[in-house]
Amino acid sequence: MSNKRYLHLNLVGNEINHHQGTPAFERGHGGGPDRTNAYLPILEMGRLAEEGLFTAMFLGDIAGTAGSPAFDGGPPEPITAFAALATQTRYLGLIATASTSFYDPYNLARLLGSLDQISNGRAGFNAVTSVSEEWALNYSKEGHPDRTTRYQIADEFLDVVKGLWENRELRFDADGIRKFYADPINHQGKNFQVLGPLNVAPSQQLRPLIAQAGGSGPGIRVAAKHAEMVFTNANTYEQAADYRAALDAALVEAGRPEGSVPAIPGLIPYLGRTTADAEEKLRALDDHVPYELYAPFALIQFGLEYTFDSIDDPFPLDQIPRPEDVKDTIKSTYGNYVGLYTWISDNPGVTVRDVTAQSLARGGAQHRKFVGSYDDFVEDLAGWHAQGTVGGFNIMFPTGVIDIRDFIEEVVPRLIDRGIYRGTPDSRPLRERFGSEIRLNGEK
């Protein structure tokens, strides 16, 4: 098999941009996916991602919501959604997000192990620690622990699920028939007590891939110990190189080789045949966002109860704590906080509307945005591929299905022609695609 290096492109299937769910935009721009059932957009995006030769699809998990009499649903639970999508795809990796703060490790090991069986070795686990105090109260918790404690729990949680998945041995009976044997793990830890063994047989990749969004400090250490792919952010080559160096140092400390875990940042593309077309598309999208409604959600991630007379008031940077002052107490995702704080600091005079657009409507300040032509976008990706510190990108399309179809028609052929993107489906187990060895005890 060729060792040629290709970019991994993963599709983020959540409506991470508020642009995606704007009915006015969908009516005026060719229509969005069928929303009569929450699963239908996920299934349609997944089928398109496979057509576009994406390595995998991510689904985030919203583990709760603030109480509201108007609440009428939310995104599907990822493992359930991917069990449905697994029957409609053959090659697409299926990386489901689940919280190490709220799940029981044995139950989650069974669920993801079952998804791995259903998909024939295409399942992944995106381990997150969650951020919401309200969500914790839905899971028999007295409150949400601080960031350091959350990562300590996550570390032990991942020890348990990996132990359950890996504590198997391949043996051959007298007739030469392969058989798997599973033993108890007898885990007795600070947070979990699990006997085992797991009652789900391994798939062809033996266990699901583990992904993690390790941003700094405790997160990077957990990623270096457990992850086989890291969902990160990088807006410049320099940021990507700095993160690569920090992750490699942590990998060595954890006894793993440098470069053995690919870092894959988020990327939000706004594309058109020309740069002017792309800029007009972004302007049209922003025009459909109800900023007054979304602004409080942009503010609350700073712990800021700020009332404004106009959405065009200057944003009160002087009232926001510096990231280093809240790194151990912040309830939001720390990387998101740092990214948005830095963006506001670097753009003096921004308004409440600007911050709302950057942090919510456009998918978060921490993720890189590209606004330009199809050809310029391919050149941009080719530059990142040559630079070599990222393994690819987690793509977050502004309008979901509409943009994915456009991407498949206009961008994918150009990437293949440049020789930086696979031209055929990757049939290997998901972990192997990201460079992991998948041998089991007793396997020759």
Protein backbone atom coordinates (compact mmCIF):
# COMPACT_ATOMS: atom_id res chain seq x y z
CA MET A 1 0.00 0.00 0.00
CA SER A 2 1.25 3.48 -0.86
CA ASN A 3 2.62 5.61 1.97
CA LYS A 4 1.61 8.80 0.18
CA ARG A 5 0.33 11.37 2.66
CA TYR A 6 -3.13 12.79 2.03
CA LEU A 7 -5.10 15.41 3.90
CA HIS A 8 -7.82 14.04 6.15
CA LEU A 9 -11.07 15.94 5.81
CA ASN A 10 -13.66 15.20 8.49
CA LEU A 11 -17.18 16.57 8.31
CA VAL A 12 -18.60 18.14 11.46
CA GLY A 13 -22.28 17.21 11.22
CA ASN A 14 -23.62 19.58 13.87
CA GLU A 15 -25.12 22.93 13.01
CA ILE A 16 -22.22 24.64 14.71
CA ASN A 17 -22.97 27.81 12.73
CA HIS A 18 -26.30 29.48 13.35
CA HIS A 19 -26.26 30.18 9.61
CA GLN A 20 -27.14 26.54 8.98
CA GLY A 21 -30.46 26.62 10.73
CA THR A 22 -31.67 29.91 9.24
CA PRO A 23 -34.90 29.10 7.37
CA ALA A 24 -34.84 32.40 5.49
CA PHE A 25 -31.47 31.56 4.00
CA GLU A 26 -32.50 28.04 3.05
CA ARG A 27 -35.66 29.26 1.32
CA GLY A 28 -33.68 31.80 -0.67
CA HIS A 29 -30.71 29.64 -1.60
CA GLY A 30 -31.98 26.38 -2.98
CA GLY A 31 -33.35 24.74 0.15
CA GLY A 32 -31.76 22.91 3.03
CA PRO A 33 -32.17 19.35 4.24
CA ASP A 34 -35.48 17.79 5.24
CA ARG A 35 -36.03 18.85 8.86
CA THR A 36 -39.24 16.92 9.56
CA ASN A 37 -37.10 14.50 11.59
CA ALA A 38 -33.91 15.43 13.46
CA TYR A 39 -32.06 12.43 12.01
CA LEU A 40 -32.72 13.20 8.35
CA PRO A 41 -30.17 16.04 7.98
CA ILE A 42 -27.53 13.86 9.67
CA LEU A 43 -28.21 10.97 7.31
CA GLU A 44 -28.13 13.23 4.26
CA MET A 45 -24.88 14.90 5.33
CA GLY A 46 -23.33 11.51 6.05
CA ARG A 47 -24.20 10.12 2.64
CA LEU A 48 -22.75 13.22 1.00
CA ALA A 49 -19.59 13.01 3.14
CA GLU A 50 -19.03 9.47 1.91
CA GLU A 51 -19.57 10.62 -1.68
CA GLY A 52 -17.00 13.36 -1.07
CA LEU A 53 -14.45 10.82 0.26
CA PHE A 54 -14.30 12.39 3.73
CA THR A 55 -12.32 10.29 6.20
CA ALA A 56 -14.91 10.59 8.95
CA MET A 57 -17.88 12.49 10.29
CA PHE A 58 -17.97 14.06 13.75
CA LEU A 59 -21.10 14.58 15.78
CA GLY A 60 -20.98 16.69 18.91
CA ASP A 61 -23.35 15.99 21.78
CA ILE A 62 -25.50 18.56 23.56
CA ALA A 63 -26.07 16.73 26.83
CA GLY A 64 -28.80 19.06 28.12
CA THR A 65 -30.37 22.47 27.75
CA ALA A 66 -31.68 25.31 29.83
CA GLY A 67 -35.33 24.80 30.67
CA SER A 68 -37.71 26.51 28.26
CA PRO A 69 -41.39 26.00 27.52
CA ALA A 70 -40.60 26.78 23.87
CA PHE A 71 -37.90 24.14 23.50
CA ASP A 72 -38.91 21.75 20.73
CA GLY A 73 -35.96 19.43 20.33
CA GLY A 74 -32.26 19.40 19.62
CA PRO A 75 -29.56 17.49 17.78
CA PRO A 76 -29.83 13.70 17.85
CA GLU A 77 -27.76 11.71 20.32
CA PRO A 78 -24.62 10.87 18.29
CA ILE A 79 -24.26 7.13 18.89
CA THR A 80 -27.90 6.55 17.99
CA ALA A 81 -27.60 8.70 14.88
CA PHE A 82 -24.46 6.92 13.74
CA ALA A 83 -26.03 3.50 14.25
CA ALA A 84 -28.57 4.57 11.62
CA LEU A 85 -25.93 6.13 9.35
CA ALA A 86 -23.71 3.03 9.58
CA THR A 87 -26.31 1.07 7.61
CA GLN A 88 -26.31 3.66 4.82
CA THR A 89 -22.55 4.06 4.37
CA ARG A 90 -19.61 1.70 3.77
CA TYR A 91 -16.46 3.74 4.29
CA LEU A 92 -17.20 6.87 6.32
CA GLY A 93 -15.70 6.94 9.82
CA LEU A 94 -18.26 7.68 12.54
CA ILE A 95 -16.82 9.66 15.47
CA ALA A 96 -19.41 10.15 18.21
CA THR A 97 -18.98 12.63 21.04
CA ALA A 98 -19.77 11.53 24.60
CA SER A 99 -19.06 13.08 27.97
CA THR A 100 -16.67 11.45 30.42
CA SER A 101 -18.32 13.57 33.12
CA PHE A 102 -21.80 12.12 32.65
CA TYR A 103 -21.55 8.63 31.14
CA ASP A 104 -20.74 5.40 32.96
CA PRO A 105 -17.63 3.89 31.32
CA TYR A 106 -18.98 0.33 31.08
CA ASN A 107 -22.22 1.47 29.44
CA LEU A 108 -20.36 3.70 26.99
CA ALA A 109 -17.87 0.94 26.16
CA ARG A 110 -20.84 -1.32 25.28
CA LEU A 111 -22.57 1.34 23.18
CA LEU A 112 -19.49 2.34 21.20
CA GLY A 113 -18.32 -1.25 20.90
CA SER A 114 -21.70 -2.10 19.41
CA LEU A 115 -21.46 0.83 16.97
CA ASP A 116 -18.02 -0.45 15.99
CA GLN A 117 -19.53 -3.85 15.21
CA ILE A 118 -22.46 -2.36 13.26
CA SER A 119 -20.10 -0.21 11.16
CA ASN A 120 -17.45 -2.93 10.69
CA GLY A 121 -14.62 -1.04 12.36
CA ARG A 122 -15.51 2.59 11.57
CA ALA A 123 -16.47 3.89 15.04
CA GLY A 124 -14.70 6.56 17.05
CA PHE A 125 -15.14 8.13 20.49
CA ASN A 126 -14.64 11.89 20.81
CA ALA A 127 -14.07 12.22 24.55
CA VAL A 128 -15.19 15.52 26.09
CA THR A 129 -15.54 16.65 29.69
CA SER A 130 -18.54 18.99 29.12
CA VAL A 131 -18.91 22.49 30.47
CA SER A 132 -22.43 23.21 31.73
CA GLU A 133 -23.51 23.43 35.36
CA GLU A 134 -27.14 22.86 34.33
CA TRP A 135 -26.26 19.68 32.43
CA ALA A 136 -24.54 18.24 35.50
CA LEU A 137 -27.79 18.53 37.45
CA ASN A 138 -29.45 16.21 34.92
CA TYR A 139 -27.01 13.40 35.77
CA SER A 140 -27.43 13.12 39.56
CA LYS A 141 -24.46 15.44 40.12
CA GLU A 142 -24.38 18.16 42.77
CA GLY A 143 -22.56 20.41 40.33
CA HIS A 144 -19.98 20.39 37.57
CA PRO A 145 -16.40 19.90 38.81
CA ASP A 146 -13.59 22.31 38.02
CA ARG A 147 -11.51 21.83 34.89
CA THR A 148 -8.62 20.00 36.60
CA THR A 149 -10.97 17.53 38.26
CA ARG A 150 -12.89 16.97 35.03
CA TYR A 151 -9.68 15.93 33.26
CA GLN A 152 -8.68 13.64 36.13
CA ILE A 153 -12.05 11.92 35.76
CA ALA A 154 -11.59 11.76 31.98
CA ASP A 155 -8.17 10.15 32.34
CA GLU A 156 -9.53 7.38 34.55
CA PHE A 157 -12.63 6.99 32.37
CA LEU A 158 -10.47 6.41 29.30
CA ASP A 159 -8.31 3.94 31.21
CA VAL A 160 -11.47 1.96 31.94
CA VAL A 161 -13.01 1.94 28.46
CA LYS A 162 -9.68 1.08 26.83
CA GLY A 163 -9.17 -1.66 29.37
CA LEU A 164 -12.59 -3.12 28.61
CA TRP A 165 -12.01 -2.95 24.86
CA GLU A 166 -8.45 -4.25 24.94
CA ASN A 167 -8.50 -6.91 27.66
CA ARG A 168 -9.17 -9.64 25.11
CA GLU A 169 -6.96 -12.30 23.64
CA LEU A 170 -7.04 -14.08 20.32
CA ARG A 171 -6.57 -17.81 20.63
CA PHE A 172 -6.84 -20.72 18.23
CA ASP A 173 -8.61 -23.93 19.14
CA ALA A 174 -7.50 -27.45 18.14
CA ASP A 175 -9.09 -27.00 14.72
CA GLY A 176 -7.30 -23.70 14.10
CA ILE A 177 -10.45 -21.62 14.53
CA ARG A 178 -9.91 -18.06 15.83
CA LYS A 179 -11.67 -17.28 19.08
CA PHE A 180 -11.67 -14.17 21.26
CA TYR A 181 -11.41 -14.42 25.02
CA ALA A 182 -12.19 -11.54 27.39
CA ASP A 183 -11.09 -11.28 31.01
CA PRO A 184 -12.20 -9.03 33.89
CA ILE A 185 -10.26 -5.80 34.32
CA ASN A 186 -10.99 -5.46 38.08
CA HIS A 187 -10.63 -1.68 37.96
CA GLN A 188 -10.77 -0.05 41.39
CA GLY A 189 -10.20 3.67 40.99
CA LYS A 190 -11.04 6.95 42.64
CA ASN A 191 -14.08 7.55 40.43
CA PHE A 192 -14.99 4.17 38.91
CA GLN A 193 -15.14 0.56 40.03
CA VAL A 194 -15.57 -1.81 37.09
CA LEU A 195 -15.18 -5.59 37.09
CA GLY A 196 -15.65 -6.51 33.41
CA PRO A 197 -15.20 -8.17 31.03
CA LEU A 198 -17.04 -6.36 28.26
CA ASN A 199 -19.74 -8.45 26.59
CA VAL A 200 -19.25 -7.02 23.09
CA ALA A 201 -16.90 -8.73 20.66
CA PRO A 202 -14.25 -6.62 18.90
CA SER A 203 -14.66 -5.41 15.34
CA GLN A 204 -11.95 -5.62 12.70
CA GLN A 205 -10.28 -2.54 14.23
CA LEU A 206 -10.51 -4.22 17.68
CA ARG A 207 -11.74 -1.08 19.44
CA PRO A 208 -13.07 2.37 18.48
CA LEU A 209 -10.68 5.18 17.68
CA ILE A 210 -10.28 7.72 20.50
CA ALA A 211 -10.36 11.40 19.59
CA GLN A 212 -9.98 14.27 22.02
CA ALA A 213 -9.99 18.06 21.94
CA GLY A 214 -6.91 18.71 24.07
CA GLY A 215 -6.38 22.46 24.01
CA SER A 216 -3.78 23.10 26.70
CA GLY A 217 -2.45 21.84 30.01
CA PRO A 218 -4.51 18.92 31.35
CA GLY A 219 -6.26 18.44 28.00
CA ILE A 220 -3.01 17.94 26.09
CA ARG A 221 -1.77 15.47 28.70
CA VAL A 222 -4.95 13.40 28.43
CA ALA A 223 -4.77 13.55 24.63
CA ALA A 224 -1.11 12.48 24.64
CA LYS A 225 -1.89 9.46 26.83
CA HIS A 226 -5.06 8.26 25.13
CA ALA A 227 -5.94 9.92 21.81
CA GLU A 228 -5.30 8.73 18.28
CA MET A 229 -6.48 11.99 16.75
CA VAL A 230 -6.83 15.45 18.29
CA PHE A 231 -9.47 18.00 17.32
CA THR A 232 -7.73 21.32 17.80
CA ASN A 233 -7.66 24.84 16.41
CA ALA A 234 -5.02 26.73 14.46
CA ASN A 235 -5.45 29.98 12.61
CA THR A 236 -1.83 30.28 11.44
CA TYR A 237 1.09 28.02 10.57
CA GLU A 238 2.82 29.32 13.70
CA GLN A 239 -0.07 28.30 15.96
CA ALA A 240 -0.16 24.86 14.33
CA ALA A 241 3.59 24.42 14.82
CA ASP A 242 3.40 25.50 18.46
CA TYR A 243 0.58 23.06 19.15
CA ARG A 244 2.42 20.27 17.33
CA ALA A 245 5.48 20.89 19.50
CA ALA A 246 3.44 20.90 22.71
CA LEU A 247 1.59 17.72 21.76
CA ASP A 248 4.81 15.96 20.73
CA ALA A 249 6.46 16.86 24.03
CA ALA A 250 3.48 15.42 25.89
CA LEU A 251 3.51 12.30 23.70
CA VAL A 252 7.16 11.63 24.54
CA GLU A 253 6.42 12.12 28.23
CA ALA A 254 3.58 9.60 27.88
CA GLY A 255 5.93 7.10 26.21
CA ARG A 256 4.57 7.52 22.68
CA PRO A 257 6.45 8.60 19.52
CA GLU A 258 6.49 12.19 18.31
CA GLY A 259 4.06 12.79 15.48
CA SER A 260 2.10 9.62 16.22
CA VAL A 261 -1.17 11.49 16.87
CA PRO A 262 -2.40 13.79 14.08
CA ALA A 263 -3.68 17.23 15.06
CA ILE A 264 -6.69 18.23 12.99
CA PRO A 265 -8.00 21.80 13.41
CA GLY A 266 -11.47 23.09 12.70
CA LEU A 267 -12.04 25.11 9.53
CA ILE A 268 -15.10 27.02 8.31
CA PRO A 269 -15.05 27.76 4.56
CA TYR A 270 -17.11 30.45 2.83
CA LEU A 271 -16.55 29.72 -0.85
CA GLY A 272 -17.60 30.96 -4.27
CA ARG A 273 -16.32 31.10 -7.83
CA THR A 274 -14.64 34.38 -6.95
CA THR A 275 -13.62 36.02 -3.70
CA ALA A 276 -16.34 38.61 -4.25
CA ASP A 277 -18.92 35.82 -4.51
CA ALA A 278 -17.71 34.31 -1.24
CA GLU A 279 -17.78 37.67 0.54
CA GLU A 280 -21.31 38.31 -0.68
CA LYS A 281 -22.33 34.87 0.53
CA LEU A 282 -21.00 35.61 4.02
CA ARG A 283 -22.75 38.99 4.07
CA ALA A 284 -26.04 37.39 3.01
CA LEU A 285 -25.69 34.72 5.69
CA ASP A 286 -24.98 37.26 8.40
CA ASP A 287 -28.00 39.31 7.36
CA HIS A 288 -30.28 36.42 8.32
CA VAL A 289 -28.93 36.01 11.87
CA PRO A 290 -31.23 37.31 14.69
CA TYR A 291 -28.41 38.98 16.61
CA GLU A 292 -30.54 40.35 19.43
CA LEU A 293 -31.71 36.82 20.21
CA TYR A 294 -28.26 35.24 20.05
CA ALA A 295 -26.23 37.97 21.77
CA PRO A 296 -26.93 36.80 25.36
CA PHE A 297 -25.49 33.38 24.48
CA ALA A 298 -22.32 35.03 23.16
CA LEU A 299 -21.99 36.99 26.40
CA ILE A 300 -22.75 34.19 28.83
CA GLN A 301 -19.68 32.16 27.81
CA PHE A 302 -17.70 34.93 29.51
CA GLY A 303 -19.85 34.69 32.63
CA LEU A 304 -20.96 38.18 31.67
CA GLU A 305 -24.40 39.48 32.55
CA TYR A 306 -24.34 42.56 30.38
CA THR A 307 -27.34 44.44 29.10
CA PHE A 308 -26.99 46.49 25.95
CA ASP A 309 -29.14 49.24 24.51
CA SER A 310 -28.19 48.41 20.95
CA ILE A 311 -26.69 45.38 19.27
CA ASP A 312 -24.21 47.84 17.77
CA ASP A 313 -22.88 49.00 21.17
CA PRO A 314 -19.12 48.52 21.68
CA PHE A 315 -18.31 45.19 23.30
CA PRO A 316 -17.11 45.67 26.93
CA LEU A 317 -13.68 44.01 26.81
CA ASP A 318 -12.68 45.76 30.06
CA GLN A 319 -15.35 43.76 31.92
CA ILE A 320 -14.09 40.37 30.77
CA PRO A 321 -11.62 38.36 32.91
CA ARG A 322 -8.32 37.51 31.26
CA PRO A 323 -8.03 33.82 30.33
CA GLU A 324 -5.14 33.24 32.74
CA ASP A 325 -7.31 34.50 35.62
CA VAL A 326 -10.12 32.00 35.00
CA LYS A 327 -8.33 28.97 33.51
CA ASP A 328 -9.13 26.76 36.52
CA THR A 329 -12.68 27.97 37.14
CA ILE A 330 -14.13 28.66 33.71
CA LYS A 331 -17.25 26.65 32.92
CA SER A 332 -17.05 27.08 29.14
CA THR A 333 -14.50 25.33 26.95
CA TYR A 334 -11.19 27.01 27.73
CA GLY A 335 -9.95 27.02 24.14
CA ASN A 336 -13.15 28.73 23.00
CA TYR A 337 -12.74 31.34 25.71
CA VAL A 338 -9.12 32.07 24.79
CA GLY A 339 -9.92 32.20 21.08
CA LEU A 340 -12.76 34.65 21.43
CA TYR A 341 -10.95 36.81 24.01
CA THR A 342 -7.93 37.03 21.70
CA TRP A 343 -10.06 37.89 18.68
CA ILE A 344 -11.82 40.72 20.56
CA SER A 345 -8.48 42.02 21.89
CA ASP A 346 -7.01 42.03 18.38
CA ASN A 347 -9.99 43.89 16.92
CA PRO A 348 -10.54 47.01 19.04
CA GLY A 349 -13.91 48.66 18.67
CA VAL A 350 -15.88 45.51 17.85
CA THR A 351 -19.55 45.62 18.70
CA VAL A 352 -21.89 43.20 20.43
CA ARG A 353 -23.11 42.27 16.94
CA ASP A 354 -19.54 41.54 15.78
CA VAL A 355 -18.83 39.29 18.77
CA THR A 356 -22.12 37.47 18.32
CA ALA A 357 -21.36 36.87 14.65
CA GLN A 358 -17.83 35.66 15.37
CA SER A 359 -18.62 33.45 18.36
CA LEU A 360 -21.96 31.95 17.38
CA ALA A 361 -23.18 32.72 13.86
CA ARG A 362 -19.85 31.87 12.24
CA GLY A 363 -19.05 28.85 14.38
CA GLY A 364 -16.73 30.15 17.09
CA ALA A 365 -13.74 32.47 17.21
CA GLN A 366 -11.32 29.63 17.85
CA HIS A 367 -11.81 28.05 14.42
CA ARG A 368 -10.21 29.42 11.28
CA LYS A 369 -12.49 30.96 8.66
CA PHE A 370 -11.62 31.01 4.98
CA VAL A 371 -13.44 33.41 2.66
CA GLY A 372 -12.46 33.10 -0.99
CA SER A 373 -12.71 31.27 -4.29
CA TYR A 374 -12.60 27.51 -4.82
CA ASP A 375 -9.17 27.77 -6.42
CA ASP A 376 -7.79 29.92 -3.60
CA PHE A 377 -9.13 27.45 -1.05
CA VAL A 378 -7.36 24.55 -2.74
CA GLU A 379 -4.13 26.58 -2.75
CA ASP A 380 -4.65 27.27 0.95
CA LEU A 381 -5.08 23.58 1.77
CA ALA A 382 -2.07 22.69 -0.36
CA GLY A 383 0.01 25.12 1.69
CA TRP A 384 -1.10 23.53 4.95
CA HIS A 385 -0.42 20.06 3.53
CA ALA A 386 3.11 21.11 2.58
CA GLN A 387 3.69 22.75 5.98
CA GLY A 388 2.96 19.37 7.55
CA THR A 389 2.02 20.14 11.17
CA VAL A 390 -1.66 19.29 10.72
CA GLY A 391 -3.14 16.03 9.50
CA GLY A 392 -6.09 17.69 7.81
CA PHE A 393 -9.16 19.66 8.83
CA ASN A 394 -12.51 19.20 10.51
CA ILE A 395 -14.76 21.06 8.11
CA MET A 396 -17.76 22.98 9.45
CA PHE A 397 -19.91 24.07 6.54
CA PRO A 398 -21.87 27.31 7.00
CA THR A 399 -25.07 25.97 5.45
CA GLY A 400 -24.68 22.25 5.88
CA VAL A 401 -26.02 20.18 3.02
CA ILE A 402 -26.08 23.10 0.58
CA ASP A 403 -22.35 23.72 1.01
CA ILE A 404 -21.38 20.04 1.08
CA ARG A 405 -22.91 19.47 -2.35
CA ASP A 406 -21.06 22.50 -3.68
CA PHE A 407 -17.81 21.31 -2.07
CA ILE A 408 -18.08 17.86 -3.66
CA GLU A 409 -18.64 19.33 -7.11
CA GLU A 410 -16.11 22.16 -7.02
CA VAL A 411 -13.39 21.49 -4.43
CA VAL A 412 -12.92 17.72 -4.18
CA PRO A 413 -11.91 17.25 -7.85
CA ARG A 414 -9.41 20.09 -7.54
CA LEU A 415 -7.89 18.55 -4.39
CA ILE A 416 -7.56 15.17 -6.08
CA ASP A 417 -5.93 16.77 -9.11
CA ARG A 418 -3.40 18.45 -6.78
CA GLY A 419 -2.52 15.03 -5.37
CA ILE A 420 -3.22 15.95 -1.75
CA TYR A 421 -6.57 14.15 -1.32
CA ARG A 422 -7.52 10.54 -1.86
CA GLY A 423 -9.31 9.83 -5.13
CA THR A 424 -10.85 6.55 -3.93
CA PRO A 425 -12.59 5.46 -0.71
CA ASP A 426 -10.39 4.35 2.18
CA SER A 427 -11.58 0.88 3.18
CA ARG A 428 -9.18 0.44 6.11
CA PRO A 429 -10.42 0.39 9.72
CA LEU A 430 -10.74 3.93 11.05
CA ARG A 431 -7.87 3.70 13.54
CA GLU A 432 -5.51 2.46 10.84
CA ARG A 433 -6.37 5.46 8.64
CA PHE A 434 -5.03 7.72 11.39
CA GLY A 435 -1.88 5.66 11.83
CA SER A 436 -2.72 3.40 14.78
CA GLU A 437 -1.52 -0.18 14.98
CA ILE A 438 -4.42 -2.55 15.60
CA ARG A 439 -3.03 -5.83 16.87
CA LEU A 440 -4.69 -7.85 19.61
CA ASN A 441 -2.99 -10.05 22.22
CA GLY A 442 -2.16 -13.35 20.60
CA GLU A 443 -2.40 -12.06 17.00
CA LYS A 444 0.49 -12.91 14.71
